[in-house]
Amino acid sequence: MKIDSQKSIAMRDLFSKRLSELMQKQDINQVELSKIVGVSESAVGKWLLKKMLPRMGMIQKLADYFGVPTSFFLEEHPSCMNSLGFNQFSLSDSEISLIKKIRSLSPEGQSSVYDFINFKLISENAKKKPEKDNLMVAESQLPYGDNK
């Protein structure tokens, strides 16, 4: 019979707490998470019930999926808490729905969405710039300019 050390118990407690918080925040259930990271539902259940801690490679996969550093799962007071804005903002239902849809895509599909978003941001910013530039060009072409 294996006797758990206090440190091991505390680490499983913290991991379970943080994983539960992220799953609630993203409105993801145990079944969905198991499919996303490629493990059995019972493995996710053991993590949440504090019976097992995943290997570091799986913790990294979870961190990548949720967009947090691994320290978020493993350290009581990770330096990332403030920079993540954890519990400092909330998403609308439509934003959550959009995030879920993006996360359900393959990595290539997600990359295409990010490329499209960046394209739209660049094109919208470019549309704003020419208005200012056109105004300056128009002023320089006014008939009463240097032709006195």
Foldseek 3Di string as FASTA:
>chain_A
DDDDDPLLLVLLVLLLVLVVLLCVQLVHDLVRVCVLLVHDSVVSVCSNVSNDDDDPVSLCVVCVLSVHHSCSSGPPDDPCCVVVCVVVDHDDPVVSVVSVVLSVDDPVSVVVVVVVVVVVVVVVVVVVVVVVVVVVVVVCPDPVHPPD
